[in-house]
Amino acid sequence: MGDGESMRNTIVLVRTDNFQKASVALADLVRYGGMKIRGDPRIIPPALSDWAFEKISGEKPRKRFRAHVVAQIDLPPRKAIGRLMDIHPPAHILVIPPESEAWEELMRLWGSFEKLRGFHPPKKTKAEELRKKREDREEPEEF
């Protein structure tokens, strides 16, 4: 493994109707999927998103989306796919593995993509939030 290896982050491609929904889906990946997003999520052109979708899934996209966002995450592809299946985020999310043609192209163009403004990753995961709530509450909960 060379020095550059650690920089080869898995990419997630979020395809949805608007950038607000894309932000919510990314926040869910952090909160429920336990993923860390590295750097800023970026907005990509729909045509590039459709191309990447086809490269990864092997089929033409059937649905047209208006908002297409990519983010680099800290998990290997297989683990990321498993977490996605667990959390059912409110958007179509595709995992793009390092070394794939789609990944190479997205990384090549990364610096030219506009940053997704208004995205602030949650500070805590859901498990941490629940633990904190429990510590804050001395009394048992009333039902």
N, C-alpha and C. Protein backbone atom coordinates (compact mmCIF):
# COMPACT_ATOMS: atom_id res chain seq x y z
N MET A 1 0.83 -1.21 0.00
CA MET A 1 0.00 0.00 0.00
C MET A 1 0.86 1.26 0.00
N GLY A 2 0.66 2.10 -0.97
CA GLY A 2 1.43 3.34 -1.04
C GLY A 2 0.84 4.40 -0.15
N ASP A 3 1.47 5.56 -0.13
CA ASP A 3 1.02 6.67 0.71
C ASP A 3 -0.35 7.19 0.29
N GLY A 4 -0.62 7.16 -1.01
CA GLY A 4 -1.85 7.74 -1.52
C GLY A 4 -3.08 6.91 -1.22
N GLU A 5 -2.87 5.66 -0.80
CA GLU A 5 -3.99 4.73 -0.66
C GLU A 5 -5.09 5.26 0.26
N SER A 6 -4.70 5.88 1.37
CA SER A 6 -5.69 6.31 2.35
C SER A 6 -6.61 7.40 1.80
N MET A 7 -6.18 8.04 0.73
CA MET A 7 -6.99 9.11 0.16
C MET A 7 -8.06 8.59 -0.79
N ARG A 8 -8.05 7.30 -1.04
CA ARG A 8 -9.02 6.76 -2.00
C ARG A 8 -10.34 6.46 -1.31
N ASN A 9 -11.08 7.50 -1.01
CA ASN A 9 -12.35 7.35 -0.30
C ASN A 9 -13.45 6.85 -1.22
N THR A 10 -14.32 6.02 -0.66
CA THR A 10 -15.54 5.63 -1.35
C THR A 10 -16.39 6.88 -1.60
N ILE A 11 -17.07 6.93 -2.74
CA ILE A 11 -17.97 8.05 -3.04
C ILE A 11 -19.42 7.56 -2.98
N VAL A 12 -20.29 8.38 -2.40
CA VAL A 12 -21.72 8.11 -2.53
C VAL A 12 -22.33 9.15 -3.46
N LEU A 13 -23.20 8.67 -4.33
CA LEU A 13 -23.93 9.54 -5.26
C LEU A 13 -25.38 9.58 -4.81
N VAL A 14 -25.85 10.78 -4.47
CA VAL A 14 -27.22 10.97 -3.99
C VAL A 14 -28.03 11.58 -5.13
N ARG A 15 -29.10 10.91 -5.52
CA ARG A 15 -29.96 11.36 -6.62
C ARG A 15 -31.35 11.61 -6.06
N THR A 16 -31.80 12.85 -6.09
CA THR A 16 -33.10 13.15 -5.51
C THR A 16 -33.71 14.40 -6.14
N ASP A 17 -34.84 14.88 -5.61
CA ASP A 17 -35.62 15.94 -6.27
C ASP A 17 -35.11 17.35 -6.01
N ASN A 18 -34.49 17.54 -4.84
CA ASN A 18 -33.98 18.89 -4.54
C ASN A 18 -32.82 18.79 -3.56
N PHE A 19 -32.09 19.88 -3.42
CA PHE A 19 -30.86 19.84 -2.63
C PHE A 19 -31.14 19.74 -1.13
N GLN A 20 -32.30 20.22 -0.71
CA GLN A 20 -32.72 20.05 0.68
C GLN A 20 -32.81 18.55 1.02
N LYS A 21 -33.48 17.80 0.14
CA LYS A 21 -33.61 16.36 0.36
C LYS A 21 -32.25 15.67 0.32
N ALA A 22 -31.39 16.15 -0.55
CA ALA A 22 -30.04 15.57 -0.64
C ALA A 22 -29.30 15.78 0.68
N SER A 23 -29.43 16.97 1.26
CA SER A 23 -28.79 17.27 2.54
C SER A 23 -29.31 16.38 3.66
N VAL A 24 -30.62 16.16 3.66
CA VAL A 24 -31.25 15.29 4.67
C VAL A 24 -30.72 13.86 4.53
N ALA A 25 -30.63 13.38 3.29
CA ALA A 25 -30.13 12.03 3.04
C ALA A 25 -28.69 11.88 3.52
N LEU A 26 -27.87 12.89 3.24
CA LEU A 26 -26.47 12.85 3.69
C LEU A 26 -26.38 12.87 5.22
N ALA A 27 -27.22 13.68 5.84
CA ALA A 27 -27.23 13.74 7.31
C ALA A 27 -27.63 12.37 7.89
N ASP A 28 -28.56 11.69 7.22
CA ASP A 28 -28.97 10.35 7.66
C ASP A 28 -27.82 9.35 7.58
N LEU A 29 -26.98 9.49 6.54
CA LEU A 29 -25.83 8.59 6.42
C LEU A 29 -24.91 8.73 7.63
N VAL A 30 -24.77 9.97 8.09
CA VAL A 30 -23.92 10.23 9.25
C VAL A 30 -24.62 9.75 10.52
N ARG A 31 -25.87 10.16 10.69
CA ARG A 31 -26.57 9.92 11.95
C ARG A 31 -26.92 8.45 12.14
N TYR A 32 -27.49 7.82 11.11
CA TYR A 32 -27.96 6.44 11.25
C TYR A 32 -26.99 5.43 10.65
N GLY A 33 -26.23 5.86 9.65
CA GLY A 33 -25.31 4.93 8.99
C GLY A 33 -23.93 4.93 9.60
N GLY A 34 -23.69 5.86 10.52
CA GLY A 34 -22.40 5.92 11.18
C GLY A 34 -21.23 6.23 10.25
N MET A 35 -21.52 6.90 9.12
CA MET A 35 -20.46 7.25 8.18
C MET A 35 -19.95 8.65 8.47
N LYS A 36 -18.68 8.88 8.17
CA LYS A 36 -18.17 10.24 8.23
C LYS A 36 -18.04 10.74 6.80
N ILE A 37 -18.46 11.98 6.58
CA ILE A 37 -18.30 12.58 5.26
C ILE A 37 -17.00 13.38 5.27
N ARG A 38 -16.14 13.08 4.31
CA ARG A 38 -14.83 13.73 4.25
C ARG A 38 -14.90 14.92 3.30
N GLY A 39 -14.63 16.10 3.82
CA GLY A 39 -14.68 17.29 2.98
C GLY A 39 -16.12 17.70 2.69
N ASP A 40 -16.29 18.55 1.68
CA ASP A 40 -17.63 19.05 1.35
C ASP A 40 -18.29 18.21 0.27
N PRO A 41 -19.58 17.89 0.47
CA PRO A 41 -20.33 17.28 -0.63
C PRO A 41 -20.37 18.25 -1.82
N ARG A 42 -20.44 17.70 -3.02
CA ARG A 42 -20.41 18.52 -4.24
C ARG A 42 -21.62 18.22 -5.12
N ILE A 43 -22.00 19.24 -5.89
CA ILE A 43 -23.11 19.12 -6.82
C ILE A 43 -22.56 18.72 -8.19
N ILE A 44 -23.15 17.71 -8.81
CA ILE A 44 -22.68 17.32 -10.13
C ILE A 44 -23.81 17.44 -11.17
N PRO A 45 -23.45 17.59 -12.45
CA PRO A 45 -24.46 17.71 -13.49
C PRO A 45 -25.26 16.41 -13.63
N PRO A 46 -26.57 16.53 -13.91
CA PRO A 46 -27.42 15.34 -14.06
C PRO A 46 -26.87 14.34 -15.09
N ALA A 47 -26.32 14.83 -16.19
CA ALA A 47 -25.83 13.91 -17.24
C ALA A 47 -24.68 13.05 -16.71
N LEU A 48 -23.81 13.66 -15.91
CA LEU A 48 -22.68 12.92 -15.33
C LEU A 48 -23.19 11.91 -14.30
N SER A 49 -24.17 12.32 -13.52
CA SER A 49 -24.80 11.44 -12.54
C SER A 49 -25.42 10.22 -13.23
N ASP A 50 -26.14 10.48 -14.32
CA ASP A 50 -26.78 9.39 -15.07
C ASP A 50 -25.73 8.43 -15.64
N TRP A 51 -24.62 9.01 -16.14
CA TRP A 51 -23.54 8.19 -16.69
C TRP A 51 -22.94 7.31 -15.61
N ALA A 52 -22.67 7.90 -14.43
CA ALA A 52 -22.08 7.14 -13.31
C ALA A 52 -23.06 6.05 -12.86
N PHE A 53 -24.33 6.39 -12.80
CA PHE A 53 -25.37 5.43 -12.41
C PHE A 53 -25.33 4.21 -13.33
N GLU A 54 -25.25 4.47 -14.64
CA GLU A 54 -25.25 3.40 -15.63
C GLU A 54 -23.97 2.55 -15.52
N LYS A 55 -22.83 3.21 -15.29
CA LYS A 55 -21.55 2.50 -15.15
C LYS A 55 -21.58 1.55 -13.95
N ILE A 56 -22.16 2.02 -12.85
CA ILE A 56 -22.14 1.23 -11.61
C ILE A 56 -23.24 0.17 -11.59
N SER A 57 -24.45 0.56 -12.01
CA SER A 57 -25.58 -0.36 -11.87
C SER A 57 -25.77 -1.24 -13.10
N GLY A 58 -25.19 -0.81 -14.23
CA GLY A 58 -25.34 -1.58 -15.45
C GLY A 58 -26.68 -1.36 -16.15
N GLU A 59 -27.47 -0.43 -15.64
CA GLU A 59 -28.74 -0.12 -16.34
C GLU A 59 -28.96 1.37 -16.50
N LYS A 60 -29.78 1.72 -17.46
CA LYS A 60 -30.10 3.13 -17.66
C LYS A 60 -31.02 3.60 -16.55
N PRO A 61 -30.80 4.84 -16.04
CA PRO A 61 -31.69 5.32 -14.99
C PRO A 61 -33.11 5.52 -15.54
N ARG A 62 -34.09 5.02 -14.79
CA ARG A 62 -35.48 5.15 -15.25
C ARG A 62 -36.11 6.46 -14.78
N LYS A 63 -35.67 6.93 -13.63
CA LYS A 63 -36.28 8.13 -13.06
C LYS A 63 -35.37 9.34 -13.26
N ARG A 64 -36.00 10.46 -13.56
CA ARG A 64 -35.24 11.72 -13.71
C ARG A 64 -35.21 12.46 -12.38
N PHE A 65 -34.03 12.80 -11.93
CA PHE A 65 -33.91 13.58 -10.70
C PHE A 65 -33.33 14.95 -11.01
N ARG A 66 -33.65 15.92 -10.16
CA ARG A 66 -33.15 17.28 -10.38
C ARG A 66 -31.89 17.60 -9.58
N ALA A 67 -31.70 16.88 -8.46
CA ALA A 67 -30.56 17.19 -7.59
C ALA A 67 -29.62 15.99 -7.52
N HIS A 68 -28.36 16.24 -7.85
CA HIS A 68 -27.35 15.17 -7.88
C HIS A 68 -26.14 15.63 -7.08
N VAL A 69 -25.83 14.88 -6.02
CA VAL A 69 -24.77 15.29 -5.11
C VAL A 69 -23.83 14.11 -4.86
N VAL A 70 -22.52 14.39 -4.82
CA VAL A 70 -21.55 13.36 -4.46
C VAL A 70 -20.84 13.75 -3.17
N ALA A 71 -20.49 12.73 -2.38
CA ALA A 71 -19.74 12.97 -1.15
C ALA A 71 -18.76 11.83 -0.96
N GLN A 72 -17.61 12.14 -0.37
CA GLN A 72 -16.64 11.10 -0.05
C GLN A 72 -16.88 10.66 1.39
N ILE A 73 -16.87 9.34 1.59
CA ILE A 73 -17.13 8.80 2.93
C ILE A 73 -15.96 7.94 3.41
N ASP A 74 -15.99 7.62 4.71
CA ASP A 74 -14.85 6.95 5.33
C ASP A 74 -15.01 5.43 5.43
N LEU A 75 -15.96 4.83 4.72
CA LEU A 75 -16.15 3.38 4.80
C LEU A 75 -15.80 2.71 3.48
N PRO A 76 -15.32 1.46 3.54
CA PRO A 76 -15.15 0.71 2.30
C PRO A 76 -16.50 0.45 1.65
N PRO A 77 -16.52 0.29 0.32
CA PRO A 77 -17.79 0.16 -0.42
C PRO A 77 -18.76 -0.88 0.13
N ARG A 78 -18.24 -2.07 0.43
CA ARG A 78 -19.14 -3.15 0.87
C ARG A 78 -19.85 -2.80 2.17
N LYS A 79 -19.09 -2.22 3.08
CA LYS A 79 -19.65 -1.82 4.37
C LYS A 79 -20.69 -0.70 4.17
N ALA A 80 -20.36 0.25 3.29
CA ALA A 80 -21.28 1.36 3.01
C ALA A 80 -22.60 0.84 2.44
N ILE A 81 -22.52 -0.14 1.54
CA ILE A 81 -23.73 -0.71 0.94
C ILE A 81 -24.58 -1.39 2.01
N GLY A 82 -23.92 -2.12 2.92
CA GLY A 82 -24.64 -2.77 4.02
C GLY A 82 -25.38 -1.77 4.89
N ARG A 83 -24.70 -0.67 5.23
CA ARG A 83 -25.33 0.36 6.07
C ARG A 83 -26.52 1.00 5.35
N LEU A 84 -26.36 1.25 4.05
CA LEU A 84 -27.45 1.85 3.27
C LEU A 84 -28.68 0.97 3.29
N MET A 85 -28.46 -0.34 3.17
CA MET A 85 -29.59 -1.27 3.18
C MET A 85 -30.30 -1.23 4.53
N ASP A 86 -29.54 -0.98 5.59
CA ASP A 86 -30.12 -0.92 6.93
C ASP A 86 -30.97 0.32 7.15
N ILE A 87 -30.57 1.45 6.56
CA ILE A 87 -31.21 2.71 6.97
C ILE A 87 -32.24 3.28 5.99
N HIS A 88 -32.32 2.74 4.78
CA HIS A 88 -33.31 3.24 3.80
C HIS A 88 -33.41 4.76 3.75
N PRO A 89 -32.37 5.44 3.30
CA PRO A 89 -32.42 6.92 3.28
C PRO A 89 -33.45 7.45 2.27
N PRO A 90 -33.90 8.70 2.44
CA PRO A 90 -34.96 9.27 1.61
C PRO A 90 -34.45 9.79 0.27
N ALA A 91 -33.68 8.97 -0.42
CA ALA A 91 -33.13 9.36 -1.72
C ALA A 91 -32.53 8.11 -2.35
N HIS A 92 -32.31 8.16 -3.65
CA HIS A 92 -31.58 7.08 -4.31
C HIS A 92 -30.10 7.33 -4.05
N ILE A 93 -29.43 6.37 -3.43
CA ILE A 93 -28.01 6.54 -3.14
C ILE A 93 -27.23 5.37 -3.72
N LEU A 94 -26.21 5.72 -4.45
CA LEU A 94 -25.38 4.72 -5.11
C LEU A 94 -23.98 4.81 -4.52
N VAL A 95 -23.39 3.65 -4.23
CA VAL A 95 -22.02 3.61 -3.72
C VAL A 95 -21.07 3.43 -4.90
N ILE A 96 -20.10 4.32 -5.00
CA ILE A 96 -19.13 4.27 -6.11
C ILE A 96 -17.76 3.90 -5.55
N PRO A 97 -17.31 2.67 -5.82
CA PRO A 97 -16.05 2.20 -5.23
C PRO A 97 -14.82 2.82 -5.88
N PRO A 98 -13.79 3.07 -5.06
CA PRO A 98 -12.51 3.49 -5.62
C PRO A 98 -12.06 2.47 -6.67
N GLU A 99 -11.30 2.94 -7.62
CA GLU A 99 -10.79 2.11 -8.72
C GLU A 99 -11.81 1.92 -9.84
N SER A 100 -13.08 2.21 -9.61
CA SER A 100 -14.05 2.06 -10.69
C SER A 100 -13.90 3.23 -11.67
N GLU A 101 -14.36 3.03 -12.89
CA GLU A 101 -14.23 4.08 -13.92
C GLU A 101 -15.00 5.34 -13.50
N ALA A 102 -16.18 5.13 -12.92
CA ALA A 102 -16.99 6.27 -12.48
C ALA A 102 -16.26 7.05 -11.39
N TRP A 103 -15.62 6.31 -10.46
CA TRP A 103 -14.88 6.95 -9.37
C TRP A 103 -13.73 7.79 -9.92
N GLU A 104 -12.97 7.20 -10.85
CA GLU A 104 -11.83 7.91 -11.45
C GLU A 104 -12.27 9.22 -12.10
N GLU A 105 -13.39 9.17 -12.81
CA GLU A 105 -13.89 10.35 -13.53
C GLU A 105 -14.38 11.42 -12.55
N LEU A 106 -15.11 11.00 -11.53
CA LEU A 106 -15.61 11.95 -10.53
C LEU A 106 -14.45 12.62 -9.80
N MET A 107 -13.42 11.85 -9.46
CA MET A 107 -12.27 12.42 -8.77
C MET A 107 -11.51 13.40 -9.66
N ARG A 108 -11.44 13.06 -10.94
CA ARG A 108 -10.73 13.91 -11.89
C ARG A 108 -11.41 15.28 -11.98
N LEU A 109 -12.73 15.26 -11.89
CA LEU A 109 -13.51 16.50 -12.05
C LEU A 109 -13.86 17.17 -10.72
N TRP A 110 -13.51 16.51 -9.61
CA TRP A 110 -13.97 16.92 -8.27
C TRP A 110 -13.82 18.43 -8.01
N GLY A 111 -12.64 18.95 -8.33
CA GLY A 111 -12.35 20.35 -8.05
C GLY A 111 -13.23 21.33 -8.81
N SER A 112 -13.85 20.85 -9.89
CA SER A 112 -14.70 21.73 -10.71
C SER A 112 -16.15 21.74 -10.25
N PHE A 113 -16.52 20.81 -9.35
CA PHE A 113 -17.91 20.74 -8.88
C PHE A 113 -18.17 21.80 -7.80
N GLU A 114 -19.35 22.37 -7.87
CA GLU A 114 -19.76 23.35 -6.87
C GLU A 114 -20.03 22.65 -5.53
N LYS A 115 -19.66 23.30 -4.44
CA LYS A 115 -19.94 22.74 -3.11
C LYS A 115 -21.43 22.82 -2.81
N LEU A 116 -21.94 21.81 -2.11
CA LEU A 116 -23.33 21.84 -1.67
C LEU A 116 -23.42 22.76 -0.46
N ARG A 117 -24.02 23.91 -0.66
CA ARG A 117 -24.12 24.87 0.44
C ARG A 117 -25.23 24.48 1.41
N GLY A 118 -25.03 24.86 2.67
CA GLY A 118 -26.08 24.62 3.66
C GLY A 118 -26.09 23.22 4.22
N PHE A 119 -25.07 22.43 3.89
CA PHE A 119 -25.01 21.10 4.51
C PHE A 119 -24.10 21.13 5.72
N HIS A 120 -24.66 20.78 6.89
CA HIS A 120 -23.86 20.68 8.10
C HIS A 120 -24.06 19.29 8.66
N PRO A 121 -23.02 18.46 8.64
CA PRO A 121 -23.21 17.10 9.15
C PRO A 121 -23.59 17.12 10.62
N PRO A 122 -24.46 16.20 11.04
CA PRO A 122 -24.83 16.12 12.45
C PRO A 122 -23.58 15.87 13.27
N LYS A 123 -23.54 16.43 14.47
CA LYS A 123 -22.37 16.27 15.32
C LYS A 123 -22.32 14.85 15.89
N LYS A 124 -23.48 14.29 16.17
CA LYS A 124 -23.52 13.00 16.84
C LYS A 124 -24.28 11.97 16.02
N THR A 125 -23.95 10.72 16.23
CA THR A 125 -24.74 9.65 15.65
C THR A 125 -25.97 9.45 16.53
N LYS A 126 -26.95 8.72 16.02
CA LYS A 126 -28.19 8.47 16.75
C LYS A 126 -27.91 7.75 18.07
N ALA A 127 -27.01 6.78 18.04
CA ALA A 127 -26.69 6.02 19.26
C ALA A 127 -26.15 6.94 20.35
N GLU A 128 -25.30 7.88 19.94
CA GLU A 128 -24.73 8.81 20.91
C GLU A 128 -25.81 9.74 21.47
N GLU A 129 -26.73 10.17 20.58
CA GLU A 129 -27.82 11.05 21.03
C GLU A 129 -28.69 10.35 22.07
N LEU A 130 -29.02 9.09 21.81
CA LEU A 130 -29.88 8.34 22.73
C LEU A 130 -29.19 8.15 24.08
N ARG A 131 -27.90 7.83 24.02
CA ARG A 131 -27.15 7.65 25.25
C ARG A 131 -27.16 8.93 26.08
N LYS A 132 -26.97 10.05 25.39
CA LYS A 132 -26.94 11.37 26.05
C LYS A 132 -28.30 11.64 26.69
N LYS A 133 -29.38 11.38 25.96
CA LYS A 133 -30.74 11.59 26.48
C LYS A 133 -30.94 10.81 27.78
N ARG A 134 -30.50 9.56 27.75
CA ARG A 134 -30.67 8.70 28.92
C ARG A 134 -29.93 9.25 30.13
N GLU A 135 -28.72 9.75 29.88
CA GLU A 135 -27.94 10.31 30.99
C GLU A 135 -28.59 11.58 31.54
N ASP A 136 -29.23 12.35 30.66
CA ASP A 136 -29.86 13.59 31.08
C ASP A 136 -31.12 13.36 31.91
N ARG A 137 -31.73 12.18 31.76
CA ARG A 137 -33.01 11.91 32.40
C ARG A 137 -32.85 11.04 33.62
N GLU A 138 -33.18 11.57 34.76
CA GLU A 138 -33.12 10.74 35.96
C GLU A 138 -34.39 9.93 36.12
N GLU A 139 -35.55 10.60 35.90
CA GLU A 139 -36.83 9.90 36.09
C GLU A 139 -37.11 8.93 34.93
N PRO A 140 -37.85 7.87 35.22
CA PRO A 140 -38.30 7.01 34.13
C PRO A 140 -39.30 7.76 33.26
N GLU A 141 -39.40 7.34 32.02
CA GLU A 141 -40.30 8.04 31.09
C GLU A 141 -41.75 7.68 31.39
N GLU A 142 -42.63 8.67 31.29
CA GLU A 142 -44.07 8.41 31.50
C GLU A 142 -44.72 8.03 30.17
N PHE A 143 -45.60 7.05 30.24
CA PHE A 143 -46.31 6.67 29.00
C PHE A 143 -47.80 6.93 29.13
